[in-house]
Amino acid sequence: MNKKKKDKKNLSDKQPKLSNKEYEAEMTKLHAELVKLQYWVQAKGLRIIVLFEGRDAAGKGGVIKRITERVSPRVFRVVALPTPSEREKTQMYLQRYIQHFPAAGEVIIFDRSWYNRAGVERVMGFCTKKEYVNFLQHVPRFEHFIQETGIMLIKYWLDTSIEEQEKRFKQRINDPRKIWKLSPMDVESYRRWYDYSRARDDMLIATDNEDSPWYIVPADDKKRARLNCISHFLSLIPYEDVTPEKVELGDRNMENQYDDVLSTEKLHFIPQKY
């Protein structure tokens, strides 16, 4: 019985922890590849959407941060929409997401997406049963249409164990840098763990298909989750290295040189505390 329970645990639990040195070395390599991908996306005018969904505290923000921290925010754009406004509530449900879809040469990363309807809206009663059922019925066709227009759609679900979520929530409570991450909805998701599990299961059954599969990221080990997810993302997009040739700085024009060091006496410099 204990063995069966252990086998059900997150796949990342079976791996030894990565040292910071190992992690940073691998991340540096992946960052270099993401820069190559960025040039390729711009050169070919690709349009890509990446969805990140998952358990609260599963580490979606951490993966997104690592994807975007070394690339241009003009190419890799993150969309994290707040609660719908009163006006947006009267719109077609998908309308507020569509306006953020990519133009040529853009990768749009949704930190939560239209799948809010299948998760928090279902569990918390923010939508009717009819609205929920209609969503699950129609979203596969909607996503098929997205891809028919030439947009590449990639969907990730970050999954974590019940023990790891509790550990991370407690860390947020006691860390002044992270307390803002613990919202009333997070607390409710902690209480309703199995309601969210059922919502996840039903969502995957209804919307995981050959055209638009869900890719599950075991996320109990944050470092491995980030590396594995970024590596997988890169593997899905055939790209070539079209990085421009190395830049030559040349010589400065010194004809108009003068003493251009700013004066600390005449201008307002910030205090040098460190």
C-alpha atoms as a PDB file:
ATOM      1  CA  MET A   1       0.000   0.000   0.000  1.00  0.00           C
ATOM      2  CA  ASN A   2       2.813   2.399   0.859  1.00  0.00           C
ATOM      3  CA  LYS A   3       4.610   1.504  -2.360  1.00  0.00           C
ATOM      4  CA  LYS A   4       1.483   2.222  -4.390  1.00  0.00           C
ATOM      5  CA  LYS A   5       1.114   5.593  -2.700  1.00  0.00           C
ATOM      6  CA  LYS A   6       4.764   6.396  -3.347  1.00  0.00           C
ATOM      7  CA  ASP A   7       4.464   5.470  -7.030  1.00  0.00           C
ATOM      8  CA  LYS A   8       1.624   7.968  -7.390  1.00  0.00           C
ATOM      9  CA  LYS A   9       3.830  10.836  -6.256  1.00  0.00           C
ATOM     10  CA  ASN A  10       5.184  13.501  -8.548  1.00  0.00           C
ATOM     11  CA  LEU A  11       7.727  12.153 -11.034  1.00  0.00           C
ATOM     12  CA  SER A  12      10.232  14.787  -9.960  1.00  0.00           C
ATOM     13  CA  ASP A  13      10.340  13.224  -6.467  1.00  0.00           C
ATOM     14  CA  LYS A  14      12.274  10.296  -7.937  1.00  0.00           C
ATOM     15  CA  GLN A  15      15.148  12.542  -9.017  1.00  0.00           C
ATOM     16  CA  PRO A  16      17.895  13.897  -6.760  1.00  0.00           C
ATOM     17  CA  LYS A  17      17.872  17.618  -6.113  1.00  0.00           C
ATOM     18  CA  LEU A  18      19.880  19.723  -8.532  1.00  0.00           C
ATOM     19  CA  SER A  19      22.601  21.932  -7.114  1.00  0.00           C
ATOM     20  CA  ASN A  20      22.414  25.628  -7.887  1.00  0.00           C
ATOM     21  CA  LYS A  21      25.540  25.284 -10.011  1.00  0.00           C
ATOM     22  CA  GLU A  22      24.040  22.494 -12.120  1.00  0.00           C
ATOM     23  CA  TYR A  23      20.751  24.336 -12.424  1.00  0.00           C
ATOM     24  CA  GLU A  24      22.291  27.639 -13.514  1.00  0.00           C
ATOM     25  CA  ALA A  25      24.572  25.920 -16.015  1.00  0.00           C
ATOM     26  CA  GLU A  26      21.638  24.180 -17.699  1.00  0.00           C
ATOM     27  CA  MET A  27      19.473  27.303 -17.562  1.00  0.00           C
ATOM     28  CA  THR A  28      22.206  29.328 -19.258  1.00  0.00           C
ATOM     29  CA  LYS A  29      22.205  26.873 -22.156  1.00  0.00           C
ATOM     30  CA  LEU A  30      18.422  27.045 -22.452  1.00  0.00           C
ATOM     31  CA  HIS A  31      18.454  30.842 -22.333  1.00  0.00           C
ATOM     32  CA  ALA A  32      20.892  30.871 -25.254  1.00  0.00           C
ATOM     33  CA  GLU A  33      18.513  28.622 -27.211  1.00  0.00           C
ATOM     34  CA  LEU A  34      15.546  30.863 -26.373  1.00  0.00           C
ATOM     35  CA  VAL A  35      17.436  33.810 -27.858  1.00  0.00           C
ATOM     36  CA  LYS A  36      18.002  31.788 -31.038  1.00  0.00           C
ATOM     37  CA  LEU A  37      14.302  30.956 -31.085  1.00  0.00           C
ATOM     38  CA  GLN A  38      13.473  34.641 -30.673  1.00  0.00           C
ATOM     39  CA  TYR A  39      15.471  35.546 -33.788  1.00  0.00           C
ATOM     40  CA  TRP A  40      13.808  32.704 -35.699  1.00  0.00           C
ATOM     41  CA  VAL A  41      10.298  33.760 -34.635  1.00  0.00           C
ATOM     42  CA  GLN A  42      11.013  37.294 -35.830  1.00  0.00           C
ATOM     43  CA  ALA A  43      12.651  36.194 -39.078  1.00  0.00           C
ATOM     44  CA  LYS A  44       9.809  33.854 -40.033  1.00  0.00           C
ATOM     45  CA  GLY A  45       6.938  35.906 -38.635  1.00  0.00           C
ATOM     46  CA  LEU A  46       5.775  33.046 -36.431  1.00  0.00           C
ATOM     47  CA  ARG A  47       2.789  33.461 -34.114  1.00  0.00           C
ATOM     48  CA  ILE A  48       2.825  31.357 -30.956  1.00  0.00           C
ATOM     49  CA  ILE A  49       0.538  31.120 -27.930  1.00  0.00           C
ATOM     50  CA  VAL A  50       1.678  29.327 -24.779  1.00  0.00           C
ATOM     51  CA  LEU A  51      -0.826  28.674 -21.984  1.00  0.00           C
ATOM     52  CA  PHE A  52       0.269  28.010 -18.430  1.00  0.00           C
ATOM     53  CA  GLU A  53      -2.324  26.479 -16.138  1.00  0.00           C
ATOM     54  CA  GLY A  54      -2.009  24.359 -13.032  1.00  0.00           C
ATOM     55  CA  ARG A  55      -2.399  24.091  -9.316  1.00  0.00           C
ATOM     56  CA  ASP A  56      -2.091  27.220  -7.223  1.00  0.00           C
ATOM     57  CA  ALA A  57       1.554  27.486  -6.066  1.00  0.00           C
ATOM     58  CA  ALA A  58       2.661  24.991  -8.719  1.00  0.00           C
ATOM     59  CA  GLY A  59       5.279  27.417 -10.025  1.00  0.00           C
ATOM     60  CA  LYS A  60       3.738  28.827 -13.216  1.00  0.00           C
ATOM     61  CA  GLY A  61       5.159  32.271 -12.548  1.00  0.00           C
ATOM     62  CA  GLY A  62       8.635  30.860 -11.983  1.00  0.00           C
ATOM     63  CA  VAL A  63       8.660  29.022 -15.318  1.00  0.00           C
ATOM     64  CA  ILE A  64       7.349  32.077 -17.151  1.00  0.00           C
ATOM     65  CA  LYS A  65       9.954  34.304 -15.509  1.00  0.00           C
ATOM     66  CA  ARG A  66      12.772  31.971 -16.611  1.00  0.00           C
ATOM     67  CA  ILE A  67      11.457  31.851 -20.158  1.00  0.00           C
ATOM     68  CA  THR A  68      11.258  35.619 -20.474  1.00  0.00           C
ATOM     69  CA  GLU A  69      14.155  36.961 -18.407  1.00  0.00           C
ATOM     70  CA  ARG A  70      16.744  36.849 -21.225  1.00  0.00           C
ATOM     71  CA  VAL A  71      14.583  37.587 -24.265  1.00  0.00           C
ATOM     72  CA  SER A  72      12.879  40.702 -25.588  1.00  0.00           C
ATOM     73  CA  PRO A  73       9.534  41.631 -23.961  1.00  0.00           C
ATOM     74  CA  ARG A  74       8.494  42.908 -27.398  1.00  0.00           C
ATOM     75  CA  VAL A  75       8.678  39.349 -28.749  1.00  0.00           C
ATOM     76  CA  PHE A  76       7.833  37.275 -25.672  1.00  0.00           C
ATOM     77  CA  ARG A  77       4.837  39.027 -24.121  1.00  0.00           C
ATOM     78  CA  VAL A  78       3.208  37.840 -20.902  1.00  0.00           C
ATOM     79  CA  VAL A  79      -0.550  38.239 -20.461  1.00  0.00           C
ATOM     80  CA  ALA A  80      -1.902  37.866 -16.923  1.00  0.00           C
ATOM     81  CA  LEU A  81      -5.434  39.217 -16.937  1.00  0.00           C
ATOM     82  CA  PRO A  82      -7.144  40.423 -13.748  1.00  0.00           C
ATOM     83  CA  THR A  83     -10.713  39.641 -12.738  1.00  0.00           C
ATOM     84  CA  PRO A  84     -13.086  40.599 -15.586  1.00  0.00           C
ATOM     85  CA  SER A  85     -14.542  44.100 -15.416  1.00  0.00           C
ATOM     86  CA  GLU A  86     -18.298  44.632 -15.432  1.00  0.00           C
ATOM     87  CA  ARG A  87     -18.087  45.423 -19.135  1.00  0.00           C
ATOM     88  CA  GLU A  88     -16.026  42.321 -19.887  1.00  0.00           C
ATOM     89  CA  LYS A  89     -18.567  40.172 -18.066  1.00  0.00           C
ATOM     90  CA  THR A  90     -21.121  41.153 -20.727  1.00  0.00           C
ATOM     91  CA  GLN A  91     -18.807  40.220 -23.615  1.00  0.00           C
ATOM     92  CA  MET A  92     -18.404  36.892 -25.337  1.00  0.00           C
ATOM     93  CA  TYR A  93     -16.360  34.884 -22.834  1.00  0.00           C
ATOM     94  CA  LEU A  94     -13.285  34.457 -25.039  1.00  0.00           C
ATOM     95  CA  GLN A  95     -13.280  38.041 -26.276  1.00  0.00           C
ATOM     96  CA  ARG A  96     -10.904  39.512 -23.728  1.00  0.00           C
ATOM     97  CA  TYR A  97      -8.326  36.836 -24.485  1.00  0.00           C
ATOM     98  CA  ILE A  98      -8.522  37.131 -28.268  1.00  0.00           C
ATOM     99  CA  GLN A  99      -7.451  40.780 -28.200  1.00  0.00           C
ATOM    100  CA  HIS A 100      -4.068  39.665 -26.850  1.00  0.00           C
ATOM    101  CA  PHE A 101      -3.389  37.096 -29.587  1.00  0.00           C
ATOM    102  CA  PRO A 102      -0.026  37.394 -31.371  1.00  0.00           C
ATOM    103  CA  ALA A 103       0.857  39.283 -34.498  1.00  0.00           C
ATOM    104  CA  ALA A 104       3.718  38.099 -36.700  1.00  0.00           C
ATOM    105  CA  GLY A 105       6.950  37.626 -34.774  1.00  0.00           C
ATOM    106  CA  GLU A 106       5.361  37.325 -31.349  1.00  0.00           C
ATOM    107  CA  VAL A 107       5.131  34.684 -28.610  1.00  0.00           C
ATOM    108  CA  ILE A 108       2.228  35.343 -26.248  1.00  0.00           C
ATOM    109  CA  ILE A 109       2.421  33.628 -22.863  1.00  0.00           C
ATOM    110  CA  PHE A 110      -0.841  33.416 -20.934  1.00  0.00           C
ATOM    111  CA  ASP A 111      -0.364  33.177 -17.167  1.00  0.00           C
ATOM    112  CA  ARG A 112      -3.799  31.622 -16.687  1.00  0.00           C
ATOM    113  CA  SER A 113      -6.117  31.707 -19.651  1.00  0.00           C
ATOM    114  CA  TRP A 114      -9.615  30.963 -20.879  1.00  0.00           C
ATOM    115  CA  TYR A 115      -9.342  27.743 -18.880  1.00  0.00           C
ATOM    116  CA  ASN A 116     -10.311  29.752 -15.809  1.00  0.00           C
ATOM    117  CA  ARG A 117     -13.823  28.705 -16.762  1.00  0.00           C
ATOM    118  CA  ALA A 118     -12.953  25.028 -16.376  1.00  0.00           C
ATOM    119  CA  GLY A 119     -11.168  25.586 -13.074  1.00  0.00           C
ATOM    120  CA  VAL A 120     -11.799  28.399 -10.627  1.00  0.00           C
ATOM    121  CA  GLU A 121     -15.081  29.500 -12.222  1.00  0.00           C
ATOM    122  CA  ARG A 122     -16.515  25.995 -12.026  1.00  0.00           C
ATOM    123  CA  VAL A 123     -15.299  25.280  -8.498  1.00  0.00           C
ATOM    124  CA  MET A 124     -16.236  28.667  -7.042  1.00  0.00           C
ATOM    125  CA  GLY A 125     -19.538  28.959  -8.871  1.00  0.00           C
ATOM    126  CA  PHE A 126     -18.507  32.033 -10.888  1.00  0.00           C
ATOM    127  CA  CYS A 127     -20.218  30.612 -13.968  1.00  0.00           C
ATOM    128  CA  THR A 128     -23.414  28.653 -14.510  1.00  0.00           C
ATOM    129  CA  LYS A 129     -23.424  24.948 -15.262  1.00  0.00           C
ATOM    130  CA  LYS A 130     -24.647  25.736 -18.773  1.00  0.00           C
ATOM    131  CA  GLU A 131     -21.773  28.170 -19.339  1.00  0.00           C
ATOM    132  CA  TYR A 132     -19.308  25.584 -18.073  1.00  0.00           C
ATOM    133  CA  VAL A 133     -20.679  22.767 -20.251  1.00  0.00           C
ATOM    134  CA  ASN A 134     -20.796  25.026 -23.318  1.00  0.00           C
ATOM    135  CA  PHE A 135     -17.170  25.976 -22.730  1.00  0.00           C
ATOM    136  CA  LEU A 136     -15.952  22.383 -22.619  1.00  0.00           C
ATOM    137  CA  GLN A 137     -17.976  21.546 -25.714  1.00  0.00           C
ATOM    138  CA  HIS A 138     -16.833  24.476 -27.815  1.00  0.00           C
ATOM    139  CA  VAL A 139     -13.251  25.206 -26.714  1.00  0.00           C
ATOM    140  CA  PRO A 140     -11.712  22.323 -28.747  1.00  0.00           C
ATOM    141  CA  ARG A 141     -13.240  23.826 -31.891  1.00  0.00           C
ATOM    142  CA  PHE A 142     -12.049  27.280 -30.869  1.00  0.00           C
ATOM    143  CA  GLU A 143      -8.503  26.000 -30.422  1.00  0.00           C
ATOM    144  CA  HIS A 144      -8.687  24.150 -33.725  1.00  0.00           C
ATOM    145  CA  PHE A 145      -9.670  27.427 -35.378  1.00  0.00           C
ATOM    146  CA  ILE A 146      -6.702  29.201 -33.718  1.00  0.00           C
ATOM    147  CA  GLN A 147      -4.331  26.713 -35.294  1.00  0.00           C
ATOM    148  CA  GLU A 148      -6.132  26.840 -38.632  1.00  0.00           C
ATOM    149  CA  THR A 149      -5.230  30.536 -38.797  1.00  0.00           C
ATOM    150  CA  GLY A 150      -1.546  29.636 -38.497  1.00  0.00           C
ATOM    151  CA  ILE A 151      -1.038  30.270 -34.781  1.00  0.00           C
ATOM    152  CA  MET A 152       0.835  27.602 -32.861  1.00  0.00           C
ATOM    153  CA  LEU A 153      -0.896  26.745 -29.583  1.00  0.00           C
ATOM    154  CA  ILE A 154       0.956  25.064 -26.703  1.00  0.00           C
ATOM    155  CA  LYS A 155      -0.765  24.168 -23.420  1.00  0.00           C
ATOM    156  CA  TYR A 156       1.031  23.342 -20.167  1.00  0.00           C
ATOM    157  CA  TRP A 157      -0.454  22.096 -16.917  1.00  0.00           C
ATOM    158  CA  LEU A 158       1.858  22.297 -13.895  1.00  0.00           C
ATOM    159  CA  ASP A 159       0.947  19.663 -11.358  1.00  0.00           C
ATOM    160  CA  THR A 160       2.098  19.428  -7.768  1.00  0.00           C
ATOM    161  CA  SER A 161       1.324  17.169  -4.845  1.00  0.00           C
ATOM    162  CA  ILE A 162      -1.000  18.048  -1.985  1.00  0.00           C
ATOM    163  CA  GLU A 163       1.966  18.048   0.417  1.00  0.00           C
ATOM    164  CA  GLU A 164       4.070  20.362  -1.735  1.00  0.00           C
ATOM    165  CA  GLN A 165       1.246  22.857  -2.208  1.00  0.00           C
ATOM    166  CA  GLU A 166       0.747  23.069   1.552  1.00  0.00           C
ATOM    167  CA  LYS A 167       4.483  23.568   2.067  1.00  0.00           C
ATOM    168  CA  ARG A 168       4.573  26.427  -0.448  1.00  0.00           C
ATOM    169  CA  PHE A 169       1.483  28.112   0.981  1.00  0.00           C
ATOM    170  CA  LYS A 170       3.058  28.070   4.443  1.00  0.00           C
ATOM    171  CA  GLN A 171       6.244  29.561   3.008  1.00  0.00           C
ATOM    172  CA  ARG A 172       4.205  32.385   1.525  1.00  0.00           C
ATOM    173  CA  ILE A 173       2.554  33.098   4.856  1.00  0.00           C
ATOM    174  CA  ASN A 174       5.922  33.479   6.585  1.00  0.00           C
ATOM    175  CA  ASP A 175       7.858  35.272   3.839  1.00  0.00           C
ATOM    176  CA  PRO A 176       7.191  39.033   3.467  1.00  0.00           C
ATOM    177  CA  ARG A 177       8.433  38.816  -0.128  1.00  0.00           C
ATOM    178  CA  LYS A 178       5.797  36.239  -1.041  1.00  0.00           C
ATOM    179  CA  ILE A 179       2.769  37.108   1.080  1.00  0.00           C
ATOM    180  CA  TRP A 180       1.210  38.992  -1.831  1.00  0.00           C
ATOM    181  CA  LYS A 181       1.020  35.676  -3.695  1.00  0.00           C
ATOM    182  CA  LEU A 182      -1.408  34.219  -1.146  1.00  0.00           C
ATOM    183  CA  SER A 183      -4.847  35.473  -2.185  1.00  0.00           C
ATOM    184  CA  PRO A 184      -8.263  34.493  -0.787  1.00  0.00           C
ATOM    185  CA  MET A 185      -8.681  32.315  -3.884  1.00  0.00           C
ATOM    186  CA  ASP A 186      -5.449  30.490  -3.036  1.00  0.00           C
ATOM    187  CA  VAL A 187      -6.687  29.793   0.481  1.00  0.00           C
ATOM    188  CA  GLU A 188      -9.953  28.489  -0.961  1.00  0.00           C
ATOM    189  CA  SER A 189      -8.101  26.280  -3.422  1.00  0.00           C
ATOM    190  CA  TYR A 190      -6.200  24.795  -0.482  1.00  0.00           C
ATOM    191  CA  ARG A 191      -9.478  23.945   1.241  1.00  0.00           C
ATOM    192  CA  ARG A 192     -11.067  22.567  -1.938  1.00  0.00           C
ATOM    193  CA  TRP A 193      -8.151  20.482  -3.188  1.00  0.00           C
ATOM    194  CA  TYR A 194     -10.291  17.596  -4.439  1.00  0.00           C
ATOM    195  CA  ASP A 195     -12.880  19.866  -6.059  1.00  0.00           C
ATOM    196  CA  TYR A 196     -10.045  21.326  -8.107  1.00  0.00           C
ATOM    197  CA  SER A 197      -8.745  17.818  -8.823  1.00  0.00           C
ATOM    198  CA  ARG A 198     -12.103  16.822 -10.302  1.00  0.00           C
ATOM    199  CA  ALA A 199     -12.253  20.031 -12.313  1.00  0.00           C
ATOM    200  CA  ARG A 200      -8.754  19.322 -13.651  1.00  0.00           C
ATOM    201  CA  ASP A 201      -9.623  15.748 -14.552  1.00  0.00           C
ATOM    202  CA  ASP A 202     -12.811  16.753 -16.405  1.00  0.00           C
ATOM    203  CA  MET A 203     -10.979  19.538 -18.224  1.00  0.00           C
ATOM    204  CA  LEU A 204      -8.222  17.222 -19.416  1.00  0.00           C
ATOM    205  CA  ILE A 205     -10.714  14.618 -20.610  1.00  0.00           C
ATOM    206  CA  ALA A 206     -12.666  17.198 -22.608  1.00  0.00           C
ATOM    207  CA  THR A 207      -9.832  19.304 -24.040  1.00  0.00           C
ATOM    208  CA  ASP A 208      -6.779  17.068 -24.413  1.00  0.00           C
ATOM    209  CA  ASN A 209      -6.721  15.990 -28.044  1.00  0.00           C
ATOM    210  CA  GLU A 210      -4.310  15.306 -30.887  1.00  0.00           C
ATOM    211  CA  ASP A 211      -4.651  18.810 -32.347  1.00  0.00           C
ATOM    212  CA  SER A 212      -4.190  20.589 -29.025  1.00  0.00           C
ATOM    213  CA  PRO A 213      -2.723  18.321 -26.337  1.00  0.00           C
ATOM    214  CA  TRP A 214      -2.053  19.227 -22.732  1.00  0.00           C
ATOM    215  CA  TYR A 215       1.550  18.767 -21.641  1.00  0.00           C
ATOM    216  CA  ILE A 216       1.807  17.886 -17.951  1.00  0.00           C
ATOM    217  CA  VAL A 217       4.767  19.296 -16.024  1.00  0.00           C
ATOM    218  CA  PRO A 218       5.552  17.531 -12.712  1.00  0.00           C
ATOM    219  CA  ALA A 219       6.370  20.525 -10.537  1.00  0.00           C
ATOM    220  CA  ASP A 220       7.236  19.410  -7.006  1.00  0.00           C
ATOM    221  CA  ASP A 221      10.868  20.121  -7.869  1.00  0.00           C
ATOM    222  CA  LYS A 222      10.860  23.711  -9.120  1.00  0.00           C
ATOM    223  CA  LYS A 223      14.292  23.620 -10.710  1.00  0.00           C
ATOM    224  CA  ARG A 224      13.639  20.461 -12.684  1.00  0.00           C
ATOM    225  CA  ALA A 225      10.171  21.672 -13.660  1.00  0.00           C
ATOM    226  CA  ARG A 226      11.596  24.868 -15.140  1.00  0.00           C
ATOM    227  CA  LEU A 227      14.378  23.118 -17.023  1.00  0.00           C
ATOM    228  CA  ASN A 228      12.149  20.329 -18.313  1.00  0.00           C
ATOM    229  CA  CYS A 229       9.380  22.686 -19.392  1.00  0.00           C
ATOM    230  CA  ILE A 230      11.655  25.104 -21.250  1.00  0.00           C
ATOM    231  CA  SER A 231      13.525  22.232 -22.906  1.00  0.00           C
ATOM    232  CA  HIS A 232      10.234  20.720 -24.027  1.00  0.00           C
ATOM    233  CA  PHE A 233       8.944  24.057 -25.298  1.00  0.00           C
ATOM    234  CA  LEU A 234      12.061  24.486 -27.435  1.00  0.00           C
ATOM    235  CA  SER A 235      11.664  20.947 -28.804  1.00  0.00           C
ATOM    236  CA  LEU A 236       8.172  21.696 -30.118  1.00  0.00           C
ATOM    237  CA  ILE A 237       9.267  24.483 -32.467  1.00  0.00           C
ATOM    238  CA  PRO A 238      11.633  23.639 -35.331  1.00  0.00           C
ATOM    239  CA  TYR A 239      14.057  26.568 -35.481  1.00  0.00           C
ATOM    240  CA  GLU A 240      17.438  27.393 -36.902  1.00  0.00           C
ATOM    241  CA  ASP A 241      20.199  29.639 -35.655  1.00  0.00           C
ATOM    242  CA  VAL A 242      19.759  32.924 -37.512  1.00  0.00           C
ATOM    243  CA  THR A 243      21.520  34.988 -34.862  1.00  0.00           C
ATOM    244  CA  PRO A 244      23.082  38.067 -36.499  1.00  0.00           C
ATOM    245  CA  GLU A 245      26.834  38.176 -36.932  1.00  0.00           C
ATOM    246  CA  LYS A 246      28.840  39.440 -33.988  1.00  0.00           C
ATOM    247  CA  VAL A 247      28.640  43.207 -33.707  1.00  0.00           C
ATOM    248  CA  GLU A 248      31.786  45.298 -34.167  1.00  0.00           C
ATOM    249  CA  LEU A 249      31.740  48.439 -32.025  1.00  0.00           C
ATOM    250  CA  GLY A 250      34.231  50.362 -34.127  1.00  0.00           C
ATOM    251  CA  ASP A 251      35.783  53.590 -32.884  1.00  0.00           C
ATOM    252  CA  ARG A 252      34.124  56.398 -30.958  1.00  0.00           C
ATOM    253  CA  ASN A 253      33.865  59.802 -32.589  1.00  0.00           C
ATOM    254  CA  MET A 254      36.024  61.943 -30.302  1.00  0.00           C
ATOM    255  CA  GLU A 255      35.875  65.183 -32.312  1.00  0.00           C
ATOM    256  CA  ASN A 256      33.359  66.808 -29.952  1.00  0.00           C
ATOM    257  CA  GLN A 257      34.679  65.425 -26.698  1.00  0.00           C
ATOM    258  CA  TYR A 258      34.331  67.397 -23.469  1.00  0.00           C
ATOM    259  CA  ASP A 259      34.174  66.756 -19.721  1.00  0.00           C
ATOM    260  CA  ASP A 260      30.750  65.055 -19.652  1.00  0.00           C
ATOM    261  CA  VAL A 261      30.919  63.583 -16.128  1.00  0.00           C
ATOM    262  CA  LEU A 262      27.781  64.670 -14.255  1.00  0.00           C
ATOM    263  CA  SER A 263      28.365  66.995 -11.324  1.00  0.00           C
ATOM    264  CA  THR A 264      27.263  65.699  -7.934  1.00  0.00           C
ATOM    265  CA  GLU A 265      27.063  69.265  -6.710  1.00  0.00           C
ATOM    266  CA  LYS A 266      24.481  70.531  -9.175  1.00  0.00           C
ATOM    267  CA  LEU A 267      22.259  67.476  -9.697  1.00  0.00           C
ATOM    268  CA  HIS A 268      20.223  65.217  -7.455  1.00  0.00           C
ATOM    269  CA  PHE A 269      22.026  61.898  -7.129  1.00  0.00           C
ATOM    270  CA  ILE A 270      20.499  59.102  -5.086  1.00  0.00           C
ATOM    271  CA  PRO A 271      22.233  58.220  -1.779  1.00  0.00           C
ATOM    272  CA  GLN A 272      24.951  55.596  -2.201  1.00  0.00           C
ATOM    273  CA  LYS A 273      23.911  53.232   0.616  1.00  0.00           C
ATOM    274  CA  TYR A 274      25.498  50.111  -0.814  1.00  0.00           C
END
